[in-house]
Amino acid sequence: MRETRNAQASIFDCCVKHEIGTELARIFDILDACTGVIDWLEADLTRGGTRQTGRIGLPVESVLRCAVLKQYRQLREVTSVL
């Protein structure tokens, strides 16, 4: 089961005003204005159906924001080396 939104305080309310924080705030303002994107992502995430058991996943909005942040910061998946 996955929530669509989970209202949380913005990290930008208490962040230091620097270039990255300012850019991310603008990006997230755009996401807030484009609510249809969240609906599209929710449809994609729940395409295979949802299970009523197990851990509740991140809300759809958080998945989108994490993906934007990952792309913005050019982060790569962390893999362990054995």
PDB file of N, CA and C in Angstrom:
ATOM      1  N   MET A   1       0.847  -1.171   0.000  1.00  0.00           N
ATOM      2  CA  MET A   1       0.000   0.000   0.000  1.00  0.00           C
ATOM      3  C   MET A   1       0.895   1.238   0.000  1.00  0.00           C
ATOM      4  N   ARG A   2       0.532   2.216  -0.791  1.00  0.00           N
ATOM      5  CA  ARG A   2       1.347   3.422  -0.909  1.00  0.00           C
ATOM      6  C   ARG A   2       0.435   4.633  -0.866  1.00  0.00           C
ATOM      7  N   GLU A   3       0.779   5.594  -0.019  1.00  0.00           N
ATOM      8  CA  GLU A   3       0.039   6.849   0.046  1.00  0.00           C
ATOM      9  C   GLU A   3       0.422   7.713  -1.145  1.00  0.00           C
ATOM     10  N   THR A   4      -0.485   8.589  -1.546  1.00  0.00           N
ATOM     11  CA  THR A   4      -0.168   9.531  -2.609  1.00  0.00           C
ATOM     12  C   THR A   4       0.661  10.676  -2.063  1.00  0.00           C
ATOM     13  N   ARG A   5       0.243  11.227  -0.938  1.00  0.00           N
ATOM     14  CA  ARG A   5       0.946  12.347  -0.323  1.00  0.00           C
ATOM     15  C   ARG A   5       1.057  12.132   1.169  1.00  0.00           C
ATOM     16  N   ASN A   6       2.102  12.670   1.740  1.00  0.00           N
ATOM     17  CA  ASN A   6       2.301  12.642   3.181  1.00  0.00           C
ATOM     18  C   ASN A   6       2.812  14.032   3.545  1.00  0.00           C
ATOM     19  N   ALA A   7       1.926  14.865   4.067  1.00  0.00           N
ATOM     20  CA  ALA A   7       2.275  16.262   4.344  1.00  0.00           C
ATOM     21  C   ALA A   7       3.395  16.332   5.371  1.00  0.00           C
ATOM     22  N   GLN A   8       4.447  16.999   5.009  1.00  0.00           N
ATOM     23  CA  GLN A   8       5.594  17.168   5.884  1.00  0.00           C
ATOM     24  C   GLN A   8       6.047  18.620   5.821  1.00  0.00           C
ATOM     25  N   ALA A   9       6.733  19.032   6.856  1.00  0.00           N
ATOM     26  CA  ALA A   9       7.312  20.372   6.839  1.00  0.00           C
ATOM     27  C   ALA A   9       8.389  20.432   5.765  1.00  0.00           C
ATOM     28  N   SER A  10       8.498  21.547   5.102  1.00  0.00           N
ATOM     29  CA  SER A  10       9.489  21.721   4.056  1.00  0.00           C
ATOM     30  C   SER A  10      10.872  21.878   4.664  1.00  0.00           C
ATOM     31  N   ILE A  11      11.841  21.211   4.070  1.00  0.00           N
ATOM     32  CA  ILE A  11      13.211  21.373   4.541  1.00  0.00           C
ATOM     33  C   ILE A  11      13.746  22.758   4.198  1.00  0.00           C
ATOM     34  N   PHE A  12      13.075  23.442   3.276  1.00  0.00           N
ATOM     35  CA  PHE A  12      13.551  24.747   2.844  1.00  0.00           C
ATOM     36  C   PHE A  12      13.174  25.853   3.818  1.00  0.00           C
ATOM     37  N   ASP A  13      12.265  25.556   4.762  1.00  0.00           N
ATOM     38  CA  ASP A  13      11.902  26.556   5.752  1.00  0.00           C
ATOM     39  C   ASP A  13      13.047  26.850   6.705  1.00  0.00           C
ATOM     40  N   CYS A  14      13.915  25.873   6.911  1.00  0.00           N
ATOM     41  CA  CYS A  14      15.000  26.057   7.864  1.00  0.00           C
ATOM     42  C   CYS A  14      16.382  25.942   7.230  1.00  0.00           C
ATOM     43  N   CYS A  15      16.452  25.720   5.927  1.00  0.00           N
ATOM     44  CA  CYS A  15      17.753  25.557   5.256  1.00  0.00           C
ATOM     45  C   CYS A  15      18.476  26.880   5.112  1.00  0.00           C
ATOM     46  N   VAL A  16      19.764  26.768   5.061  1.00  0.00           N
ATOM     47  CA  VAL A  16      20.586  27.927   4.752  1.00  0.00           C
ATOM     48  C   VAL A  16      20.310  28.307   3.308  1.00  0.00           C
ATOM     49  N   LYS A  17      20.210  29.576   3.051  1.00  0.00           N
ATOM     50  CA  LYS A  17      19.942  30.035   1.685  1.00  0.00           C
ATOM     51  C   LYS A  17      21.239  29.993   0.874  1.00  0.00           C
ATOM     52  N   HIS A  18      21.405  28.921   0.123  1.00  0.00           N
ATOM     53  CA  HIS A  18      22.560  28.789  -0.748  1.00  0.00           C
ATOM     54  C   HIS A  18      22.072  28.375  -2.122  1.00  0.00           C
ATOM     55  N   GLU A  19      22.974  28.308  -3.074  1.00  0.00           N
ATOM     56  CA  GLU A  19      22.593  28.079  -4.471  1.00  0.00           C
ATOM     57  C   GLU A  19      21.796  26.795  -4.662  1.00  0.00           C
ATOM     58  N   ILE A  20      22.271  25.689  -4.120  1.00  0.00           N
ATOM     59  CA  ILE A  20      21.587  24.408  -4.308  1.00  0.00           C
ATOM     60  C   ILE A  20      20.206  24.434  -3.661  1.00  0.00           C
ATOM     61  N   GLY A  21      20.125  24.949  -2.443  1.00  0.00           N
ATOM     62  CA  GLY A  21      18.841  25.029  -1.755  1.00  0.00           C
ATOM     63  C   GLY A  21      17.844  25.883  -2.506  1.00  0.00           C
ATOM     64  N   THR A  22      18.304  26.987  -3.056  1.00  0.00           N
ATOM     65  CA  THR A  22      17.433  27.881  -3.820  1.00  0.00           C
ATOM     66  C   THR A  22      16.943  27.200  -5.094  1.00  0.00           C
ATOM     67  N   GLU A  23      17.829  26.519  -5.797  1.00  0.00           N
ATOM     68  CA  GLU A  23      17.445  25.819  -7.028  1.00  0.00           C
ATOM     69  C   GLU A  23      16.451  24.700  -6.735  1.00  0.00           C
ATOM     70  N   LEU A  24      16.722  23.921  -5.692  1.00  0.00           N
ATOM     71  CA  LEU A  24      15.801  22.831  -5.341  1.00  0.00           C
ATOM     72  C   LEU A  24      14.436  23.375  -4.928  1.00  0.00           C
ATOM     73  N   ALA A  25      14.415  24.479  -4.211  1.00  0.00           N
ATOM     74  CA  ALA A  25      13.143  25.085  -3.822  1.00  0.00           C
ATOM     75  C   ALA A  25      12.331  25.468  -5.051  1.00  0.00           C
ATOM     76  N   ARG A  26      12.991  26.024  -6.063  1.00  0.00           N
ATOM     77  CA  ARG A  26      12.286  26.381  -7.305  1.00  0.00           C
ATOM     78  C   ARG A  26      11.772  25.141  -8.026  1.00  0.00           C
ATOM     79  N   ILE A  27      12.598  24.102  -8.079  1.00  0.00           N
ATOM     80  CA  ILE A  27      12.187  22.846  -8.731  1.00  0.00           C
ATOM     81  C   ILE A  27      10.969  22.272  -8.015  1.00  0.00           C
ATOM     82  N   PHE A  28      10.996  22.256  -6.692  1.00  0.00           N
ATOM     83  CA  PHE A  28       9.894  21.674  -5.940  1.00  0.00           C
ATOM     84  C   PHE A  28       8.638  22.540  -6.004  1.00  0.00           C
ATOM     85  N   ASP A  29       8.795  23.854  -6.184  1.00  0.00           N
ATOM     86  CA  ASP A  29       7.629  24.708  -6.413  1.00  0.00           C
ATOM     87  C   ASP A  29       6.946  24.321  -7.725  1.00  0.00           C
ATOM     88  N   ILE A  30       7.745  24.025  -8.739  1.00  0.00           N
ATOM     89  CA  ILE A  30       7.194  23.582 -10.023  1.00  0.00           C
ATOM     90  C   ILE A  30       6.458  22.259  -9.848  1.00  0.00           C
ATOM     91  N   LEU A  31       7.052  21.323  -9.095  1.00  0.00           N
ATOM     92  CA  LEU A  31       6.391  20.038  -8.845  1.00  0.00           C
ATOM     93  C   LEU A  31       5.072  20.230  -8.109  1.00  0.00           C
ATOM     94  N   ASP A  32       5.045  21.167  -7.148  1.00  0.00           N
ATOM     95  CA  ASP A  32       3.811  21.445  -6.417  1.00  0.00           C
ATOM     96  C   ASP A  32       2.719  21.951  -7.349  1.00  0.00           C
ATOM     97  N   ALA A  33       3.106  22.704  -8.363  1.00  0.00           N
ATOM     98  CA  ALA A  33       2.143  23.257  -9.309  1.00  0.00           C
ATOM     99  C   ALA A  33       1.673  22.229 -10.344  1.00  0.00           C
ATOM    100  N   CYS A  34       2.452  21.191 -10.552  1.00  0.00           N
ATOM    101  CA  CYS A  34       2.136  20.175 -11.571  1.00  0.00           C
ATOM    102  C   CYS A  34       1.658  18.895 -10.894  1.00  0.00           C
ATOM    103  N   THR A  35       0.494  18.935 -10.303  1.00  0.00           N
ATOM    104  CA  THR A  35      -0.002  17.774  -9.551  1.00  0.00           C
ATOM    105  C   THR A  35      -0.303  16.578 -10.447  1.00  0.00           C
ATOM    106  N   GLY A  36      -0.506  16.809 -11.722  1.00  0.00           N
ATOM    107  CA  GLY A  36      -0.777  15.704 -12.641  1.00  0.00           C
ATOM    108  C   GLY A  36       0.384  14.729 -12.736  1.00  0.00           C
ATOM    109  N   VAL A  37       1.594  15.210 -12.544  1.00  0.00           N
ATOM    110  CA  VAL A  37       2.778  14.350 -12.604  1.00  0.00           C
ATOM    111  C   VAL A  37       2.699  13.287 -11.506  1.00  0.00           C
ATOM    112  N   ILE A  38       2.241  13.677 -10.333  1.00  0.00           N
ATOM    113  CA  ILE A  38       2.115  12.728  -9.224  1.00  0.00           C
ATOM    114  C   ILE A  38       1.075  11.663  -9.563  1.00  0.00           C
ATOM    115  N   ASP A  39      -0.011  12.067 -10.214  1.00  0.00           N
ATOM    116  CA  ASP A  39      -1.041  11.101 -10.614  1.00  0.00           C
ATOM    117  C   ASP A  39      -0.478  10.096 -11.621  1.00  0.00           C
ATOM    118  N   TRP A  40       0.326  10.573 -12.571  1.00  0.00           N
ATOM    119  CA  TRP A  40       0.940   9.679 -13.559  1.00  0.00           C
ATOM    120  C   TRP A  40       1.881   8.695 -12.882  1.00  0.00           C
ATOM    121  N   LEU A  41       2.688   9.213 -11.961  1.00  0.00           N
ATOM    122  CA  LEU A  41       3.635   8.353 -11.272  1.00  0.00           C
ATOM    123  C   LEU A  41       2.912   7.327 -10.408  1.00  0.00           C
ATOM    124  N   GLU A  42       1.844   7.744  -9.757  1.00  0.00           N
ATOM    125  CA  GLU A  42       1.077   6.809  -8.930  1.00  0.00           C
ATOM    126  C   GLU A  42       0.504   5.684  -9.786  1.00  0.00           C
ATOM    127  N   ALA A  43      -0.009   6.028 -10.953  1.00  0.00           N
ATOM    128  CA  ALA A  43      -0.540   5.005 -11.861  1.00  0.00           C
ATOM    129  C   ALA A  43       0.560   4.032 -12.270  1.00  0.00           C
ATOM    130  N   ASP A  44       1.749   4.552 -12.515  1.00  0.00           N
ATOM    131  CA  ASP A  44       2.873   3.702 -12.901  1.00  0.00           C
ATOM    132  C   ASP A  44       3.321   2.812 -11.747  1.00  0.00           C
ATOM    133  N   LEU A  45       3.401   3.384 -10.547  1.00  0.00           N
ATOM    134  CA  LEU A  45       3.864   2.614  -9.385  1.00  0.00           C
ATOM    135  C   LEU A  45       2.873   1.537  -8.959  1.00  0.00           C
ATOM    136  N   THR A  46       1.605   1.754  -9.216  1.00  0.00           N
ATOM    137  CA  THR A  46       0.586   0.791  -8.796  1.00  0.00           C
ATOM    138  C   THR A  46       0.079  -0.048  -9.966  1.00  0.00           C
ATOM    139  N   ARG A  47       0.749   0.001 -11.090  1.00  0.00           N
ATOM    140  CA  ARG A  47       0.315  -0.724 -12.282  1.00  0.00           C
ATOM    141  C   ARG A  47       0.167  -2.219 -12.030  1.00  0.00           C
ATOM    142  N   GLY A  48       1.070  -2.801 -11.285  1.00  0.00           N
ATOM    143  CA  GLY A  48       1.019  -4.238 -11.017  1.00  0.00           C
ATOM    144  C   GLY A  48       0.103  -4.596  -9.855  1.00  0.00           C
ATOM    145  N   GLY A  49      -0.601  -3.615  -9.327  1.00  0.00           N
ATOM    146  CA  GLY A  49      -1.453  -3.847  -8.172  1.00  0.00           C
ATOM    147  C   GLY A  49      -0.679  -3.560  -6.891  1.00  0.00           C
ATOM    148  N   THR A  50      -1.374  -3.447  -5.816  1.00  0.00           N
ATOM    149  CA  THR A  50      -0.725  -3.196  -4.530  1.00  0.00           C
ATOM    150  C   THR A  50      -1.081  -4.314  -3.570  1.00  0.00           C
ATOM    151  N   ARG A  51      -0.164  -4.564  -2.669  1.00  0.00           N
ATOM    152  CA  ARG A  51      -0.397  -5.585  -1.655  1.00  0.00           C
ATOM    153  C   ARG A  51      -0.810  -4.913  -0.357  1.00  0.00           C
ATOM    154  N   GLN A  52      -1.665  -5.564   0.367  1.00  0.00           N
ATOM    155  CA  GLN A  52      -2.131  -5.012   1.631  1.00  0.00           C
ATOM    156  C   GLN A  52      -1.270  -5.482   2.799  1.00  0.00           C
ATOM    157  N   THR A  53      -0.211  -6.203   2.511  1.00  0.00           N
ATOM    158  CA  THR A  53       0.669  -6.694   3.569  1.00  0.00           C
ATOM    159  C   THR A  53       2.042  -6.082   3.403  1.00  0.00           C
ATOM    160  N   GLY A  54       2.838  -6.169   4.437  1.00  0.00           N
ATOM    161  CA  GLY A  54       4.203  -5.672   4.359  1.00  0.00           C
ATOM    162  C   GLY A  54       4.302  -4.209   4.718  1.00  0.00           C
ATOM    163  N   ARG A  55       5.467  -3.696   4.538  1.00  0.00           N
ATOM    164  CA  ARG A  55       5.744  -2.314   4.897  1.00  0.00           C
ATOM    165  C   ARG A  55       5.078  -1.349   3.928  1.00  0.00           C
ATOM    166  N   ILE A  56       4.622  -0.232   4.454  1.00  0.00           N
ATOM    167  CA  ILE A  56       4.053   0.814   3.606  1.00  0.00           C
ATOM    168  C   ILE A  56       5.210   1.538   2.935  1.00  0.00           C
ATOM    169  N   GLY A  57       5.154   1.660   1.628  1.00  0.00           N
ATOM    170  CA  GLY A  57       6.229   2.310   0.881  1.00  0.00           C
ATOM    171  C   GLY A  57       6.194   3.818   1.030  1.00  0.00           C
ATOM    172  N   LEU A  58       7.205   4.454   0.472  1.00  0.00           N
ATOM    173  CA  LEU A  58       7.238   5.910   0.455  1.00  0.00           C
ATOM    174  C   LEU A  58       6.010   6.438  -0.275  1.00  0.00           C
ATOM    175  N   PRO A  59       5.484   7.569   0.161  1.00  0.00           N
ATOM    176  CA  PRO A  59       4.397   8.185  -0.608  1.00  0.00           C
ATOM    177  C   PRO A  59       4.880   8.517  -2.021  1.00  0.00           C
ATOM    178  N   VAL A  60       3.964   8.522  -2.955  1.00  0.00           N
ATOM    179  CA  VAL A  60       4.292   8.768  -4.358  1.00  0.00           C
ATOM    180  C   VAL A  60       5.032  10.097  -4.518  1.00  0.00           C
ATOM    181  N   GLU A  61       4.561  11.113  -3.838  1.00  0.00           N
ATOM    182  CA  GLU A  61       5.206  12.419  -3.939  1.00  0.00           C
ATOM    183  C   GLU A  61       6.669  12.351  -3.482  1.00  0.00           C
ATOM    184  N   SER A  62       6.946  11.601  -2.439  1.00  0.00           N
ATOM    185  CA  SER A  62       8.317  11.460  -1.948  1.00  0.00           C
ATOM    186  C   SER A  62       9.188  10.702  -2.935  1.00  0.00           C
ATOM    187  N   VAL A  63       8.626   9.696  -3.594  1.00  0.00           N
ATOM    188  CA  VAL A  63       9.364   8.954  -4.624  1.00  0.00           C
ATOM    189  C   VAL A  63       9.776   9.910  -5.741  1.00  0.00           C
ATOM    190  N   LEU A  64       8.840  10.768  -6.164  1.00  0.00           N
ATOM    191  CA  LEU A  64       9.129  11.732  -7.223  1.00  0.00           C
ATOM    192  C   LEU A  64      10.218  12.706  -6.788  1.00  0.00           C
ATOM    193  N   ARG A  65      10.106  13.236  -5.588  1.00  0.00           N
ATOM    194  CA  ARG A  65      11.088  14.203  -5.108  1.00  0.00           C
ATOM    195  C   ARG A  65      12.471  13.560  -4.935  1.00  0.00           C
ATOM    196  N   CYS A  66      12.500  12.323  -4.482  1.00  0.00           N
ATOM    197  CA  CYS A  66      13.783  11.607  -4.360  1.00  0.00           C
ATOM    198  C   CYS A  66      14.409  11.390  -5.735  1.00  0.00           C
ATOM    199  N   ALA A  67      13.586  11.047  -6.718  1.00  0.00           N
ATOM    200  CA  ALA A  67      14.100  10.842  -8.075  1.00  0.00           C
ATOM    201  C   ALA A  67      14.656  12.141  -8.652  1.00  0.00           C
ATOM    202  N   VAL A  68      13.949  13.245  -8.418  1.00  0.00           N
ATOM    203  CA  VAL A  68      14.429  14.545  -8.899  1.00  0.00           C
ATOM    204  C   VAL A  68      15.746  14.900  -8.216  1.00  0.00           C
ATOM    205  N   LEU A  69      15.812  14.710  -6.905  1.00  0.00           N
ATOM    206  CA  LEU A  69      17.031  15.018  -6.163  1.00  0.00           C
ATOM    207  C   LEU A  69      18.192  14.149  -6.635  1.00  0.00           C
ATOM    208  N   LYS A  70      17.922  12.862  -6.857  1.00  0.00           N
ATOM    209  CA  LYS A  70      18.973  11.954  -7.338  1.00  0.00           C
ATOM    210  C   LYS A  70      19.497  12.410  -8.690  1.00  0.00           C
ATOM    211  N   GLN A  71      18.596  12.769  -9.581  1.00  0.00           N
ATOM    212  CA  GLN A  71      19.000  13.210 -10.912  1.00  0.00           C
ATOM    213  C   GLN A  71      19.735  14.554 -10.830  1.00  0.00           C
ATOM    214  N   TYR A  72      19.230  15.462 -10.021  1.00  0.00           N
ATOM    215  CA  TYR A  72      19.829  16.783  -9.886  1.00  0.00           C
ATOM    216  C   TYR A  72      21.261  16.692  -9.358  1.00  0.00           C
ATOM    217  N   ARG A  73      21.468  15.850  -8.377  1.00  0.00           N
ATOM    218  CA  ARG A  73      22.780  15.706  -7.751  1.00  0.00           C
ATOM    219  C   ARG A  73      23.639  14.647  -8.440  1.00  0.00           C
ATOM    220  N   GLN A  74      23.111  14.023  -9.505  1.00  0.00           N
ATOM    221  CA  GLN A  74      23.807  12.992 -10.267  1.00  0.00           C
ATOM    222  C   GLN A  74      24.313  11.877  -9.356  1.00  0.00           C
ATOM    223  N   LEU A  75      23.432  11.442  -8.468  1.00  0.00           N
ATOM    224  CA  LEU A  75      23.785  10.378  -7.546  1.00  0.00           C
ATOM    225  C   LEU A  75      23.625   9.036  -8.240  1.00  0.00           C
ATOM    226  N   ARG A  76      24.483   8.111  -7.877  1.00  0.00           N
ATOM    227  CA  ARG A  76      24.420   6.761  -8.436  1.00  0.00           C
ATOM    228  C   ARG A  76      23.995   5.807  -7.346  1.00  0.00           C
ATOM    229  N   GLU A  77      23.479   4.692  -7.765  1.00  0.00           N
ATOM    230  CA  GLU A  77      23.080   3.662  -6.809  1.00  0.00           C
ATOM    231  C   GLU A  77      24.330   3.154  -6.083  1.00  0.00           C
ATOM    232  N   VAL A  78      24.208   3.005  -4.798  1.00  0.00           N
ATOM    233  CA  VAL A  78      25.330   2.522  -4.001  1.00  0.00           C
ATOM    234  C   VAL A  78      25.307   0.991  -4.021  1.00  0.00           C
ATOM    235  N   THR A  79      26.409   0.407  -4.415  1.00  0.00           N
ATOM    236  CA  THR A  79      26.507  -1.050  -4.425  1.00  0.00           C
ATOM    237  C   THR A  79      27.703  -1.453  -3.578  1.00  0.00           C
ATOM    238  N   SER A  80      27.570  -2.560  -2.929  1.00  0.00           N
ATOM    239  CA  SER A  80      28.683  -3.022  -2.101  1.00  0.00           C
ATOM    240  C   SER A  80      29.620  -3.879  -2.950  1.00  0.00           C
ATOM    241  N   VAL A  81      30.872  -3.793  -2.632  1.00  0.00           N
ATOM    242  CA  VAL A  81      31.882  -4.567  -3.328  1.00  0.00           C
ATOM    243  C   VAL A  81      32.331  -5.671  -2.400  1.00  0.00           C
ATOM    244  N   LEU A  82      32.186  -6.909  -2.837  1.00  0.00           N
ATOM    245  CA  LEU A  82      32.582  -8.042  -2.011  1.00  0.00           C
ATOM    246  C   LEU A  82      33.977  -8.481  -2.331  1.00  0.00           C
TER     247      LEU A  82
END
